[in-house]
Amino acid sequence: MNFDVFFLFLNATITVLVAVGIVLRILRKEYLPVIKKHEQDGSDVVDGQ
């Protein structure tokens, strides 16, 4: 097996996993307080109303 191809595939996989982790962390930081606030208020948005 060609080591260069394996190395590129592994590098791309690690890069994607790191990017997904960063995005999930940012989204949680930004939107988790908003979700908890809405859950405490008991306000549900139904059909955009």
N, C-alpha and C. Protein backbone atom coordinates (compact mmCIF):
# COMPACT_ATOMS: atom_id res chain seq x y z
N MET A 1 0.85 -1.19 0.00
CA MET A 1 0.00 0.00 0.00
C MET A 1 0.89 1.25 0.00
N ASN A 2 0.44 2.22 -0.73
CA ASN A 2 1.20 3.45 -0.84
C ASN A 2 1.03 4.27 0.45
N PHE A 3 2.12 4.53 1.13
CA PHE A 3 2.06 5.23 2.41
C PHE A 3 1.59 6.67 2.24
N ASP A 4 1.94 7.31 1.13
CA ASP A 4 1.54 8.70 0.92
C ASP A 4 0.01 8.85 0.85
N VAL A 5 -0.63 7.92 0.19
CA VAL A 5 -2.10 7.97 0.08
C VAL A 5 -2.72 7.77 1.46
N PHE A 6 -2.20 6.82 2.21
CA PHE A 6 -2.70 6.58 3.56
C PHE A 6 -2.50 7.81 4.44
N PHE A 7 -1.35 8.45 4.33
CA PHE A 7 -1.06 9.64 5.12
C PHE A 7 -2.01 10.78 4.77
N LEU A 8 -2.28 10.98 3.49
CA LEU A 8 -3.21 12.04 3.08
C LEU A 8 -4.63 11.75 3.58
N PHE A 9 -5.06 10.50 3.50
CA PHE A 9 -6.39 10.13 3.98
C PHE A 9 -6.49 10.34 5.49
N LEU A 10 -5.47 9.93 6.21
CA LEU A 10 -5.47 10.10 7.66
C LEU A 10 -5.46 11.58 8.03
N ASN A 11 -4.68 12.36 7.33
CA ASN A 11 -4.62 13.80 7.58
C ASN A 11 -5.97 14.46 7.32
N ALA A 12 -6.62 14.09 6.24
CA ALA A 12 -7.93 14.67 5.92
C ALA A 12 -8.96 14.26 6.97
N THR A 13 -8.92 13.02 7.43
CA THR A 13 -9.86 12.55 8.44
C THR A 13 -9.67 13.29 9.76
N ILE A 14 -8.44 13.45 10.18
CA ILE A 14 -8.16 14.16 11.42
C ILE A 14 -8.59 15.62 11.31
N THR A 15 -8.35 16.24 10.16
CA THR A 15 -8.74 17.63 9.95
C THR A 15 -10.26 17.79 10.04
N VAL A 16 -11.00 16.88 9.44
CA VAL A 16 -12.46 16.94 9.49
C VAL A 16 -12.95 16.76 10.92
N LEU A 17 -12.39 15.82 11.65
CA LEU A 17 -12.81 15.58 13.03
C LEU A 17 -12.53 16.80 13.92
N VAL A 18 -11.38 17.42 13.74
CA VAL A 18 -11.06 18.61 14.51
C VAL A 18 -12.01 19.75 14.16
N ALA A 19 -12.31 19.93 12.89
CA ALA A 19 -13.21 21.00 12.46
C ALA A 19 -14.62 20.77 13.02
N VAL A 20 -15.09 19.53 12.99
CA VAL A 20 -16.41 19.23 13.53
C VAL A 20 -16.44 19.50 15.03
N GLY A 21 -15.40 19.12 15.73
CA GLY A 21 -15.33 19.38 17.16
C GLY A 21 -15.36 20.86 17.48
N ILE A 22 -14.64 21.66 16.72
CA ILE A 22 -14.62 23.10 16.94
C ILE A 22 -15.99 23.71 16.67
N VAL A 23 -16.63 23.30 15.58
CA VAL A 23 -17.95 23.83 15.24
C VAL A 23 -18.97 23.46 16.31
N LEU A 24 -18.96 22.21 16.77
CA LEU A 24 -19.90 21.80 17.81
C LEU A 24 -19.67 22.57 19.10
N ARG A 25 -18.42 22.79 19.44
CA ARG A 25 -18.13 23.55 20.66
C ARG A 25 -18.63 24.98 20.56
N ILE A 26 -18.43 25.62 19.42
CA ILE A 26 -18.90 26.99 19.23
C ILE A 26 -20.42 27.05 19.25
N LEU A 27 -21.08 26.12 18.57
CA LEU A 27 -22.54 26.12 18.55
C LEU A 27 -23.12 25.89 19.93
N ARG A 28 -22.53 24.97 20.69
CA ARG A 28 -23.01 24.74 22.06
C ARG A 28 -22.84 25.97 22.91
N LYS A 29 -21.70 26.63 22.79
CA LYS A 29 -21.43 27.82 23.59
C LYS A 29 -22.42 28.92 23.26
N GLU A 30 -22.78 29.06 22.00
CA GLU A 30 -23.66 30.15 21.58
C GLU A 30 -25.14 29.84 21.83
N TYR A 31 -25.56 28.62 21.59
CA TYR A 31 -26.99 28.34 21.57
C TYR A 31 -27.52 27.58 22.76
N LEU A 32 -26.66 26.96 23.58
CA LEU A 32 -27.14 26.22 24.74
C LEU A 32 -27.85 27.12 25.75
N PRO A 33 -27.33 28.32 26.06
CA PRO A 33 -28.08 29.19 26.98
C PRO A 33 -29.45 29.59 26.43
N VAL A 34 -29.54 29.79 25.13
CA VAL A 34 -30.82 30.17 24.52
C VAL A 34 -31.81 29.02 24.62
N ILE A 35 -31.35 27.81 24.37
CA ILE A 35 -32.23 26.64 24.46
C ILE A 35 -32.70 26.44 25.89
N LYS A 36 -31.80 26.57 26.86
CA LYS A 36 -32.20 26.41 28.26
C LYS A 36 -33.18 27.49 28.68
N LYS A 37 -32.99 28.71 28.20
CA LYS A 37 -33.91 29.81 28.54
C LYS A 37 -35.30 29.52 28.01
N HIS A 38 -35.39 29.03 26.79
CA HIS A 38 -36.70 28.72 26.21
C HIS A 38 -37.35 27.54 26.91
N GLU A 39 -36.55 26.57 27.35
CA GLU A 39 -37.11 25.44 28.07
C GLU A 39 -37.66 25.88 29.42
N GLN A 40 -36.99 26.80 30.09
CA GLN A 40 -37.46 27.28 31.39
C GLN A 40 -38.71 28.13 31.24
N ASP A 41 -38.79 28.90 30.17
CA ASP A 41 -39.97 29.74 29.94
C ASP A 41 -41.17 28.91 29.52
N GLY A 42 -40.92 27.75 28.98
CA GLY A 42 -42.01 26.90 28.50
C GLY A 42 -42.60 27.39 27.20
N SER A 43 -41.85 28.23 26.52
CA SER A 43 -42.36 28.76 25.26
C SER A 43 -41.94 27.85 24.13
N ASP A 44 -42.92 27.32 23.43
CA ASP A 44 -42.67 26.48 22.27
C ASP A 44 -43.11 27.22 21.02
N VAL A 45 -42.30 27.14 20.00
CA VAL A 45 -42.67 27.73 18.72
C VAL A 45 -43.26 26.63 17.86
N VAL A 46 -44.53 26.81 17.49
CA VAL A 46 -45.22 25.82 16.68
C VAL A 46 -45.61 26.47 15.37
N ASP A 47 -45.18 25.89 14.27
CA ASP A 47 -45.49 26.37 12.93
C ASP A 47 -45.05 27.83 12.73
N GLY A 48 -43.99 28.23 13.37
CA GLY A 48 -43.45 29.57 13.18
C GLY A 48 -44.28 30.67 13.78
N GLN A 49 -45.19 30.36 14.64
CA GLN A 49 -46.05 31.40 15.24
C GLN A 49 -45.56 31.78 16.60
